Amino acid sequence: MNTHKALLAALLVPLGATLALAPTASAATPPAPAVTSVSAADAAPVGPGEAVAAAFRSPEAALGRVAHPLRTTEPRGGLADLRPFGRMVGDARVVGLGEATHSSHEFFTVKHRILRYLVEEKGFRAFALEAPWSTGLRLDAYLLRGEGDLKQIMDEEFQGTYRWWNNAEYRDLLQWIRAYNVEHPDDPVRFVGDDGGFAGAELYDKVSAYAAAARPDLVPRLTELYRGLRPATDAETYVNDYLSKPMAERKELAERTGRAVDLLKQRPATGADADAHAWAVQHATAIHQMTTLFAFDWDDPRSVPDLMLYRDRVMAQNIAWWQRQTGDKIMLAAHNGHIALKTYTPGAYPKVQGDFLREQLGGGYLSVGLTFDHGSFNAFGTDGAVHRFTVGPAAPGTTEHTLDRVRYRDFVVDLRNTPATARAWLAAPHTVKNIGATYPGIADAPQIRLSESYDVVIHLQQVEAAHLLK
């Protein structure tokens, strides 16, 4: 595989081929013994006071005191068990919901279930995903007005290394949003693609249409600046062809798209045109994000940290822009490594999306990590093909080993409100599962401090591989 293609896998699905973080417990790891770390003395205290003290002598016991069980991971049915989670959300305007693998059924269905709750009970009105801005526009048009065919859109937009999103679980989530919008046409739920890995034809058409209507003097200049850029092939072919261009040409294209953004910004719109102008500038910015991303030297490993830093920064900027522009409260779906408040791998990923969002939104951003003990997932194997992998129970000493010994099978816990014994454990580094697009990855044992990484954790005992549609 060419270097740039390997990096493409890492880019378009985060923490992928070059940055995937494989779990410590592999499929060959024997199940951990079903014992608690609470001692015999803890198990049989003499009096009520000692019983309380004993409950806090292990981190799993302490966490069990403040954890809230989940009734189910499936999206249908009552949502009353999510009320404690709603209190954790508070007044947050953006909730980042992670995943420890890119393709496990329960991670997707939990996101669907929580989206339902946030929409119905907390007034959230946008679902954001690691997908190109132009993909978001196509899906948003379908969800708002029924434009296009959902299967065709998913097949065309979720290809290449975005293929993990072309699954039955996300199809169901999108169908739920569409049904909700049919019933609530004046208060719909929107779709946001925050990534910069591709810029579809829709973006060029929207920028050109705005210029023709509001700034006809710019049309010839924009046409020249965008010459040869508007996609005429499928996304995967377009990106591979683009990355095969000489570096000098890619840099020149990035310079041209930057000039297009500057042209649109030169004369700020007022009144009724202000909103249309803002959207046109953002669409042009999304084009420039792609060309800038592809102007990094993908064949030089030394450029990877700067490339990844740029990508996470623009993903955060796109989310923050949508939130400011529309006022929508947003549920953001991404890999754990992206929605975290601190990077897992500082050498390759200097700063991540969640860190940028906390800087921009403060307490208006809530980071929610999703962990699991054992189960299966889809990922690229070392042969480049898609496989279903299974991993056994987490090894002692790992984050998941302790979380799986909390008294509930599946639960949510606010890491900002825990007993002292739990706080000490949460502040210490522990290995965590963090499986990317390719399995196994090269960074197999990341050590993180859970309390520095997330505000809230949802732990699931077992997950199964998602149902890919194509």
Protein backbone atom coordinates (compact mmCIF):
# COMPACT_ATOMS: atom_id res chain seq x y z
CA MET A 1 0.00 0.00 0.00
CA ASN A 2 1.33 3.46 -0.86
CA THR A 3 2.17 5.66 2.10
CA HIS A 4 -0.48 8.19 1.20
CA LYS A 5 -3.13 5.47 0.99
CA ALA A 6 -2.19 4.17 4.44
CA LEU A 7 -2.43 7.69 5.79
CA LEU A 8 -5.74 8.11 4.01
CA ALA A 9 -7.14 5.24 6.06
CA ALA A 10 -5.89 6.94 9.19
CA LEU A 11 -7.33 10.26 8.16
CA LEU A 12 -10.78 9.46 6.87
CA VAL A 13 -11.57 7.17 9.78
CA PRO A 14 -9.64 8.53 12.77
CA LEU A 15 -7.01 6.54 14.58
CA GLY A 16 -7.04 4.11 11.67
CA ALA A 17 -4.33 2.25 9.85
CA THR A 18 -1.35 4.16 11.17
CA LEU A 19 -2.78 5.31 14.47
CA ALA A 20 -5.11 2.48 15.48
CA LEU A 21 -4.99 1.65 19.15
CA ALA A 22 -5.56 -2.05 19.68
CA PRO A 23 -6.80 -3.40 23.01
CA THR A 24 -4.48 -5.01 25.48
CA ALA A 25 -6.72 -8.07 25.74
CA SER A 26 -6.66 -9.86 22.40
CA ALA A 27 -8.87 -12.69 21.26
CA ALA A 28 -6.32 -15.09 22.71
CA THR A 29 -6.49 -13.55 26.16
CA PRO A 30 -8.15 -15.96 28.60
CA PRO A 31 -11.15 -14.65 30.51
CA ALA A 32 -10.25 -12.86 33.69
CA PRO A 33 -11.43 -14.61 36.85
CA ALA A 34 -14.86 -13.48 37.99
CA VAL A 35 -13.70 -12.09 41.29
CA THR A 36 -13.93 -8.69 42.90
CA SER A 37 -10.93 -6.77 44.11
CA VAL A 38 -12.74 -6.06 47.39
CA SER A 39 -11.07 -8.00 50.19
CA ALA A 40 -12.75 -10.48 52.50
CA ALA A 41 -12.71 -7.89 55.25
CA ASP A 42 -14.50 -5.48 52.94
CA ALA A 43 -17.09 -8.11 52.10
CA ALA A 44 -18.21 -8.60 55.68
CA PRO A 45 -18.02 -5.33 57.64
CA VAL A 46 -19.11 -5.34 61.23
CA GLY A 47 -21.34 -2.27 61.35
CA PRO A 48 -23.01 0.37 59.17
CA GLY A 49 -20.05 2.73 59.38
CA GLU A 50 -17.65 0.03 58.31
CA ALA A 51 -20.02 -0.97 55.50
CA VAL A 52 -19.86 2.55 54.08
CA ALA A 53 -16.08 2.63 54.39
CA ALA A 54 -15.75 -0.78 52.76
CA ALA A 55 -17.81 0.36 49.80
CA PHE A 56 -15.15 2.93 48.96
CA ARG A 57 -12.03 0.81 49.39
CA SER A 58 -11.90 -0.24 45.72
CA PRO A 59 -12.46 1.98 42.69
CA GLU A 60 -15.10 -0.35 41.25
CA ALA A 61 -17.09 -0.27 44.50
CA ALA A 62 -16.76 3.50 44.71
CA LEU A 63 -17.86 3.93 41.11
CA GLY A 64 -20.78 1.61 41.76
CA ARG A 65 -22.08 4.07 44.34
CA VAL A 66 -22.48 6.82 41.72
CA ALA A 67 -23.04 4.84 38.51
CA HIS A 68 -26.50 4.61 36.91
CA PRO A 69 -27.57 1.40 35.13
CA LEU A 70 -28.76 1.40 31.53
CA ARG A 71 -31.95 -0.54 30.89
CA THR A 72 -30.91 -1.44 27.36
CA THR A 73 -28.51 -0.46 24.61
CA GLU A 74 -31.23 -0.67 21.92
CA PRO A 75 -32.88 2.54 20.69
CA ARG A 76 -36.53 1.58 21.06
CA GLY A 77 -38.62 1.76 24.21
CA GLY A 78 -38.70 3.99 27.26
CA LEU A 79 -35.95 6.45 28.09
CA ALA A 80 -36.51 6.99 31.81
CA ASP A 81 -33.19 5.36 32.71
CA LEU A 82 -31.39 8.14 30.80
CA ARG A 83 -32.65 10.89 33.09
CA PRO A 84 -29.47 10.77 35.21
CA PHE A 85 -27.51 11.20 31.99
CA GLY A 86 -29.68 14.22 31.19
CA ARG A 87 -28.63 15.78 34.49
CA MET A 88 -25.00 15.16 33.55
CA VAL A 89 -25.57 16.94 30.22
CA GLY A 90 -26.95 19.98 32.02
CA ASP A 91 -26.73 23.04 29.78
CA ALA A 92 -24.12 21.64 27.38
CA ARG A 93 -24.60 22.78 23.79
CA VAL A 94 -22.43 20.05 22.24
CA VAL A 95 -22.25 16.48 23.56
CA GLY A 96 -19.43 14.39 22.11
CA LEU A 97 -20.27 10.68 22.21
CA GLY A 98 -17.36 8.36 21.51
CA GLU A 99 -16.78 4.73 20.57
CA ALA A 100 -13.95 2.32 21.39
CA THR A 101 -14.29 0.60 17.99
CA HIS A 102 -15.49 2.00 14.68
CA SER A 103 -17.90 -0.81 13.96
CA SER A 104 -19.75 -2.35 16.90
CA HIS A 105 -23.54 -2.60 17.00
CA GLU A 106 -24.02 -1.41 20.57
CA PHE A 107 -21.95 1.73 20.17
CA PHE A 108 -24.16 2.82 17.28
CA THR A 109 -27.43 1.85 18.95
CA VAL A 110 -26.49 3.58 22.21
CA LYS A 111 -25.84 6.72 20.19
CA HIS A 112 -29.25 6.34 18.55
CA ARG A 113 -30.90 5.90 21.95
CA ILE A 114 -29.12 8.90 23.46
CA LEU A 115 -29.92 11.02 20.41
CA ARG A 116 -33.60 10.21 20.93
CA TYR A 117 -33.33 11.30 24.54
CA LEU A 118 -31.42 14.49 23.76
CA VAL A 119 -33.89 15.43 21.02
CA GLU A 120 -37.04 14.62 22.97
CA GLU A 121 -35.98 15.75 26.44
CA LYS A 122 -33.09 18.21 26.08
CA GLY A 123 -33.91 20.14 22.91
CA PHE A 124 -30.98 18.94 20.78
CA ARG A 125 -31.55 19.52 17.08
CA ALA A 126 -28.45 18.27 15.23
CA PHE A 127 -26.55 15.03 14.82
CA ALA A 128 -22.92 15.40 13.75
CA LEU A 129 -20.71 12.66 12.38
CA GLU A 130 -17.12 12.24 11.16
CA ALA A 131 -18.11 12.64 7.54
CA PRO A 132 -17.34 15.31 4.94
CA TRP A 133 -19.19 18.62 5.11
CA SER A 134 -20.67 17.90 1.68
CA THR A 135 -21.92 14.49 2.84
CA GLY A 136 -23.66 16.29 5.64
CA LEU A 137 -25.42 18.58 3.18
CA ARG A 138 -26.80 15.64 1.17
CA LEU A 139 -28.04 13.84 4.26
CA ASP A 140 -29.45 17.04 5.72
CA ALA A 141 -31.48 17.63 2.55
CA TYR A 142 -32.85 14.09 2.77
CA LEU A 143 -33.72 14.40 6.45
CA LEU A 144 -35.33 17.82 6.06
CA ARG A 145 -37.18 17.46 2.77
CA GLY A 146 -36.89 13.85 1.69
CA GLU A 147 -34.54 14.74 -1.19
CA GLY A 148 -32.91 11.69 -2.76
CA ASP A 149 -32.84 8.04 -1.76
CA LEU A 150 -31.25 7.18 1.59
CA LYS A 151 -29.67 3.95 0.38
CA GLN A 152 -28.12 5.66 -2.64
CA ILE A 153 -26.81 8.53 -0.53
CA MET A 154 -25.24 6.18 2.01
CA ASP A 155 -23.73 3.98 -0.71
CA GLU A 156 -22.23 6.98 -2.48
CA GLU A 157 -21.08 8.95 0.54
CA PHE A 158 -20.02 6.19 2.94
CA GLN A 159 -17.45 4.46 0.78
CA GLY A 160 -13.73 3.93 1.01
CA THR A 161 -12.60 4.32 4.58
CA TYR A 162 -15.92 6.00 5.46
CA ARG A 163 -17.58 2.63 4.79
CA TRP A 164 -17.97 1.93 8.53
CA TRP A 165 -20.88 4.40 8.60
CA ASN A 166 -22.73 2.45 5.91
CA ASN A 167 -24.38 0.16 8.42
CA ALA A 168 -27.89 -0.91 9.39
CA GLU A 169 -27.59 0.83 12.76
CA TYR A 170 -26.93 4.28 11.28
CA ARG A 171 -29.55 3.67 8.61
CA ASP A 172 -32.08 3.13 11.41
CA LEU A 173 -30.89 6.29 13.19
CA LEU A 174 -31.28 8.34 10.01
CA GLN A 175 -34.71 6.87 9.34
CA TRP A 176 -35.74 7.85 12.87
CA ILE A 177 -34.59 11.43 12.27
CA ARG A 178 -36.50 11.55 8.99
CA ALA A 179 -39.68 10.28 10.66
CA TYR A 180 -39.25 12.82 13.46
CA ASN A 181 -38.86 15.63 10.94
CA VAL A 182 -41.98 14.59 9.04
CA GLU A 183 -43.89 14.94 12.31
CA HIS A 184 -42.08 18.16 13.32
CA PRO A 185 -41.48 20.07 10.05
CA ASP A 186 -41.10 23.40 11.87
CA ASP A 187 -38.60 22.09 14.41
CA PRO A 188 -36.44 19.52 12.61
CA VAL A 189 -33.30 17.63 13.53
CA ARG A 190 -30.36 18.45 11.24
CA PHE A 191 -27.31 16.49 10.08
CA VAL A 192 -23.77 17.86 10.21
CA GLY A 193 -20.68 16.40 8.53
CA ASP A 194 -17.68 17.96 10.26
CA ASP A 195 -14.78 16.34 8.43
CA GLY A 196 -12.49 17.66 5.69
CA GLY A 197 -11.52 14.47 3.88
CA PHE A 198 -13.57 15.21 0.75
CA ALA A 199 -15.39 18.16 -0.82
CA GLY A 200 -18.32 17.05 -2.95
CA ALA A 201 -19.71 18.78 -6.02
CA GLU A 202 -22.53 20.24 -3.89
CA LEU A 203 -20.10 22.69 -2.29
CA TYR A 204 -18.87 24.16 -5.57
CA ASP A 205 -22.45 24.43 -6.84
CA LYS A 206 -23.63 26.24 -3.70
CA VAL A 207 -20.74 28.71 -3.73
CA SER A 208 -21.29 29.39 -7.44
CA ALA A 209 -25.04 29.83 -6.97
CA TYR A 210 -24.50 32.35 -4.17
CA ALA A 211 -21.99 34.32 -6.22
CA ALA A 212 -24.27 34.37 -9.26
CA ALA A 213 -27.13 35.76 -7.16
CA ALA A 214 -25.33 38.11 -4.79
CA ARG A 215 -21.85 38.80 -6.24
CA PRO A 216 -21.90 38.24 -10.01
CA ASP A 217 -18.63 40.16 -10.28
CA LEU A 218 -16.93 37.23 -8.50
CA VAL A 219 -18.20 34.48 -10.79
CA PRO A 220 -15.37 34.57 -13.36
CA ARG A 221 -12.69 34.68 -10.65
CA LEU A 222 -14.25 31.86 -8.64
CA THR A 223 -14.64 29.77 -11.79
CA GLU A 224 -10.94 30.13 -12.49
CA LEU A 225 -9.89 29.46 -8.89
CA TYR A 226 -12.00 26.28 -8.75
CA ARG A 227 -10.91 25.08 -12.20
CA GLY A 228 -10.35 21.30 -12.22
CA LEU A 229 -11.44 20.81 -8.60
CA ARG A 230 -15.15 19.99 -8.79
CA PRO A 231 -15.43 16.16 -8.46
CA ALA A 232 -16.58 14.23 -11.51
CA THR A 233 -15.94 10.74 -10.07
CA ASP A 234 -16.83 8.88 -6.89
CA ALA A 235 -15.22 10.14 -3.69
CA GLU A 236 -12.70 7.32 -3.24
CA THR A 237 -11.39 7.64 -6.80
CA TYR A 238 -11.27 11.42 -6.54
CA VAL A 239 -9.24 11.38 -3.31
CA ASN A 240 -6.77 8.77 -4.54
CA ASP A 241 -6.27 10.69 -7.80
CA TYR A 242 -5.86 13.95 -5.90
CA LEU A 243 -3.18 12.52 -3.61
CA SER A 244 -1.30 11.28 -6.67
CA LYS A 245 -0.79 14.86 -7.85
CA PRO A 246 2.69 16.37 -7.35
CA MET A 247 3.12 18.19 -4.06
CA ALA A 248 3.68 21.52 -5.82
CA GLU A 249 0.32 21.20 -7.59
CA ARG A 250 -1.50 20.30 -4.36
CA LYS A 251 -0.02 23.35 -2.64
CA GLU A 252 -1.03 25.55 -5.55
CA LEU A 253 -4.61 24.21 -5.39
CA ALA A 254 -4.76 24.96 -1.66
CA GLU A 255 -3.55 28.49 -2.32
CA ARG A 256 -6.27 28.94 -4.95
CA THR A 257 -9.10 27.75 -2.68
CA GLY A 258 -7.81 30.02 0.07
CA ARG A 259 -8.07 32.98 -2.31
CA ALA A 260 -11.67 31.96 -3.07
CA VAL A 261 -12.53 32.15 0.63
CA ASP A 262 -10.85 35.55 0.91
CA LEU A 263 -12.79 36.88 -2.08
CA LEU A 264 -16.10 35.90 -0.51
CA LYS A 265 -15.11 37.44 2.82
CA GLN A 266 -14.03 40.79 1.36
CA ARG A 267 -17.51 42.27 1.29
CA PRO A 268 -19.46 41.13 4.37
CA ALA A 269 -23.17 40.87 3.72
CA THR A 270 -25.82 42.64 5.78
CA GLY A 271 -29.52 42.25 6.34
CA ALA A 272 -31.32 39.45 4.57
CA ASP A 273 -28.17 38.42 2.69
CA ALA A 274 -26.06 37.90 5.83
CA ASP A 275 -27.19 34.32 6.42
CA ALA A 276 -26.71 33.27 2.79
CA HIS A 277 -23.27 34.91 2.81
CA ALA A 278 -22.24 33.09 5.98
CA TRP A 279 -23.22 29.72 4.51
CA ALA A 280 -21.42 30.44 1.23
CA VAL A 281 -18.23 31.33 3.10
CA GLN A 282 -18.52 28.14 5.16
CA HIS A 283 -19.01 26.00 2.06
CA ALA A 284 -15.94 27.62 0.47
CA THR A 285 -14.07 27.06 3.72
CA ALA A 286 -14.92 23.35 3.60
CA ILE A 287 -13.41 23.15 0.11
CA HIS A 288 -10.30 24.90 1.38
CA GLN A 289 -10.08 22.54 4.35
CA MET A 290 -9.86 19.58 2.00
CA THR A 291 -7.22 21.11 -0.26
CA THR A 292 -5.18 22.26 2.75
CA LEU A 293 -5.37 18.80 4.29
CA PHE A 294 -4.15 17.26 1.05
CA ALA A 295 -1.34 19.82 0.72
CA PHE A 296 0.55 18.15 3.57
CA ASP A 297 3.29 15.75 2.52
CA TRP A 298 1.57 12.42 3.10
CA ASP A 299 4.72 10.52 2.18
CA ASP A 300 6.74 12.09 5.00
CA PRO A 301 6.01 10.60 8.46
CA ARG A 302 7.29 13.81 10.01
CA SER A 303 4.27 15.66 8.62
CA VAL A 304 1.72 13.36 10.26
CA PRO A 305 1.42 15.28 13.58
CA ASP A 306 0.79 18.58 11.77
CA LEU A 307 -1.68 16.91 9.40
CA MET A 308 -3.65 15.33 12.23
CA LEU A 309 -3.55 18.51 14.29
CA TYR A 310 -5.03 20.43 11.37
CA ARG A 311 -7.75 17.85 10.83
CA ASP A 312 -8.94 17.85 14.44
CA ARG A 313 -8.84 21.63 14.56
CA VAL A 314 -11.08 22.04 11.52
CA MET A 315 -13.52 19.37 12.72
CA ALA A 316 -13.92 21.34 15.94
CA GLN A 317 -14.24 24.60 14.02
CA ASN A 318 -17.00 23.17 11.84
CA ILE A 319 -18.98 21.98 14.87
CA ALA A 320 -18.54 25.30 16.66
CA TRP A 321 -19.52 27.21 13.51
CA TRP A 322 -22.74 25.22 13.08
CA GLN A 323 -23.65 25.69 16.73
CA ARG A 324 -23.11 29.47 16.57
CA GLN A 325 -24.77 29.90 13.18
CA THR A 326 -27.90 27.83 13.83
CA GLY A 327 -28.15 27.82 17.62
CA ASP A 328 -28.70 24.05 17.44
CA LYS A 329 -27.54 21.91 20.32
CA ILE A 330 -25.49 19.12 18.75
CA MET A 331 -24.78 15.48 19.51
CA LEU A 332 -21.38 14.71 18.01
CA ALA A 333 -20.56 11.08 17.13
CA ALA A 334 -16.87 10.26 16.78
CA HIS A 335 -14.13 7.93 17.94
CA ASN A 336 -13.18 8.09 21.61
CA GLY A 337 -9.81 9.48 20.60
CA HIS A 338 -11.43 12.49 18.94
CA ILE A 339 -14.12 13.50 21.39
CA ALA A 340 -11.68 13.16 24.32
CA LEU A 341 -10.50 16.20 26.23
CA LYS A 342 -6.88 15.14 25.91
CA THR A 343 -5.04 13.25 23.20
CA TYR A 344 -4.30 9.55 23.59
CA THR A 345 -1.18 9.72 21.39
CA PRO A 346 0.55 13.12 21.68
CA GLY A 347 3.36 12.15 19.31
CA ALA A 348 1.02 11.56 16.36
CA TYR A 349 -2.06 13.48 17.49
CA PRO A 350 -0.84 16.63 19.31
CA LYS A 351 -4.34 17.92 20.11
CA VAL A 352 -7.79 16.49 19.43
CA GLN A 353 -11.25 17.74 18.54
CA GLY A 354 -12.61 17.50 22.08
CA ASP A 355 -9.74 19.59 23.43
CA PHE A 356 -10.42 22.29 20.84
CA LEU A 357 -14.17 22.22 21.60
CA ARG A 358 -13.56 22.60 25.32
CA GLU A 359 -11.39 25.64 24.56
CA GLN A 360 -14.06 27.16 22.33
CA LEU A 361 -17.19 26.21 24.28
CA GLY A 362 -15.93 25.73 27.83
CA GLY A 363 -18.56 23.90 29.87
CA GLY A 364 -20.80 24.02 26.80
CA TYR A 365 -18.95 20.92 25.56
CA LEU A 366 -19.46 17.55 27.29
CA SER A 367 -17.14 14.63 26.48
CA VAL A 368 -18.60 11.12 26.85
CA GLY A 369 -16.33 8.11 26.32
CA LEU A 370 -17.74 4.66 25.48
CA THR A 371 -15.86 1.59 26.70
CA PHE A 372 -16.45 -2.17 26.57
CA ASP A 373 -15.04 -5.28 28.18
CA HIS A 374 -15.28 -7.91 25.43
CA GLY A 375 -16.95 -8.64 22.12
CA SER A 376 -16.59 -8.16 18.38
CA PHE A 377 -16.20 -5.46 15.75
CA ASN A 378 -15.46 -4.95 12.06
CA ALA A 379 -12.10 -3.56 10.94
CA PHE A 380 -9.56 -3.76 8.17
CA GLY A 381 -7.12 -6.61 8.68
CA THR A 382 -3.44 -6.43 7.87
CA ASP A 383 -4.37 -7.74 4.41
CA GLY A 384 -6.48 -4.64 3.73
CA ALA A 385 -9.78 -6.58 3.69
CA VAL A 386 -12.68 -6.13 6.10
CA HIS A 387 -12.87 -8.76 8.84
CA ARG A 388 -14.89 -9.44 11.97
CA PHE A 389 -12.63 -9.59 15.02
CA THR A 390 -13.37 -10.77 18.55
CA VAL A 391 -11.54 -9.83 21.74
CA GLY A 392 -11.83 -11.48 25.13
CA PRO A 393 -12.29 -9.92 28.57
CA ALA A 394 -9.95 -7.12 29.53
CA ALA A 395 -6.75 -7.98 31.36
CA PRO A 396 -6.29 -7.06 35.04
CA GLY A 397 -4.92 -3.58 35.50
CA THR A 398 -6.65 -2.15 32.44
CA THR A 399 -9.35 0.49 32.50
CA GLU A 400 -12.04 -1.89 31.27
CA HIS A 401 -11.14 -4.61 33.77
CA THR A 402 -12.02 -2.27 36.62
CA LEU A 403 -15.08 -0.76 34.93
CA ASP A 404 -16.47 -4.21 34.20
CA ARG A 405 -16.43 -4.97 37.93
CA VAL A 406 -18.77 -2.12 38.76
CA ARG A 407 -22.02 -3.66 40.00
CA TYR A 408 -24.02 -2.93 36.81
CA ARG A 409 -23.68 -4.72 33.48
CA ASP A 410 -24.04 -1.51 31.42
CA PHE A 411 -23.93 1.88 33.07
CA VAL A 412 -23.19 5.58 32.83
CA VAL A 413 -21.07 7.42 35.38
CA ASP A 414 -20.19 11.09 35.81
CA LEU A 415 -16.43 11.22 36.38
CA ARG A 416 -16.75 14.74 37.79
CA ASN A 417 -18.70 13.48 40.78
CA THR A 418 -17.05 10.41 42.29
CA PRO A 419 -15.79 9.32 45.74
CA ALA A 420 -12.14 9.81 46.65
CA THR A 421 -11.14 6.19 46.00
CA ALA A 422 -12.54 6.41 42.49
CA ARG A 423 -10.96 9.82 41.88
CA ALA A 424 -7.52 8.46 42.71
CA TRP A 425 -7.97 5.58 40.27
CA LEU A 426 -9.44 7.84 37.57
CA ALA A 427 -6.46 10.20 37.85
CA ALA A 428 -3.90 7.41 37.43
CA PRO A 429 -2.80 6.13 33.99
CA HIS A 430 -4.31 2.85 32.82
CA THR A 431 -4.32 1.02 29.50
CA VAL A 432 -7.53 1.42 27.49
CA LYS A 433 -9.01 -0.31 24.44
CA ASN A 434 -9.11 2.06 21.50
CA ILE A 435 -9.56 0.10 18.27
CA GLY A 436 -9.26 2.00 15.02
CA ALA A 437 -10.01 1.28 11.39
CA THR A 438 -7.28 -1.38 11.14
CA TYR A 439 -6.76 -4.19 13.64
CA PRO A 440 -4.34 -4.76 15.21
CA GLY A 441 -2.84 -1.29 15.24
CA ILE A 442 0.67 -0.16 16.02
CA ALA A 443 -0.12 1.68 19.28
CA ASP A 444 -1.48 -1.27 21.20
CA ALA A 445 -1.27 -0.05 24.81
CA PRO A 446 -2.15 3.63 25.23
CA GLN A 447 -2.10 4.77 28.82
CA ILE A 448 -4.65 7.44 29.67
CA ARG A 449 -5.98 9.16 32.76
CA LEU A 450 -9.71 8.69 32.48
CA SER A 451 -10.66 11.78 34.48
CA GLU A 452 -8.51 13.98 32.22
CA SER A 453 -9.99 12.43 29.08
CA TYR A 454 -13.76 12.48 29.64
CA ASP A 455 -16.48 14.10 31.71
CA VAL A 456 -18.70 11.01 31.54
CA VAL A 457 -18.14 7.35 30.69
CA ILE A 458 -20.65 4.81 29.41
CA HIS A 459 -19.39 1.26 29.91
CA LEU A 460 -20.85 -1.76 28.11
CA GLN A 461 -19.98 -5.28 29.14
CA GLN A 462 -20.22 -6.80 25.66
CA VAL A 463 -20.51 -5.57 22.07
CA GLU A 464 -21.09 -7.32 18.76
CA ALA A 465 -19.95 -6.38 15.27
CA ALA A 466 -22.15 -3.87 13.47
CA HIS A 467 -24.21 -4.90 10.45
CA LEU A 468 -22.46 -3.47 7.39
CA LEU A 469 -24.72 -2.79 4.42
CA LYS A 470 -22.14 -2.88 1.64
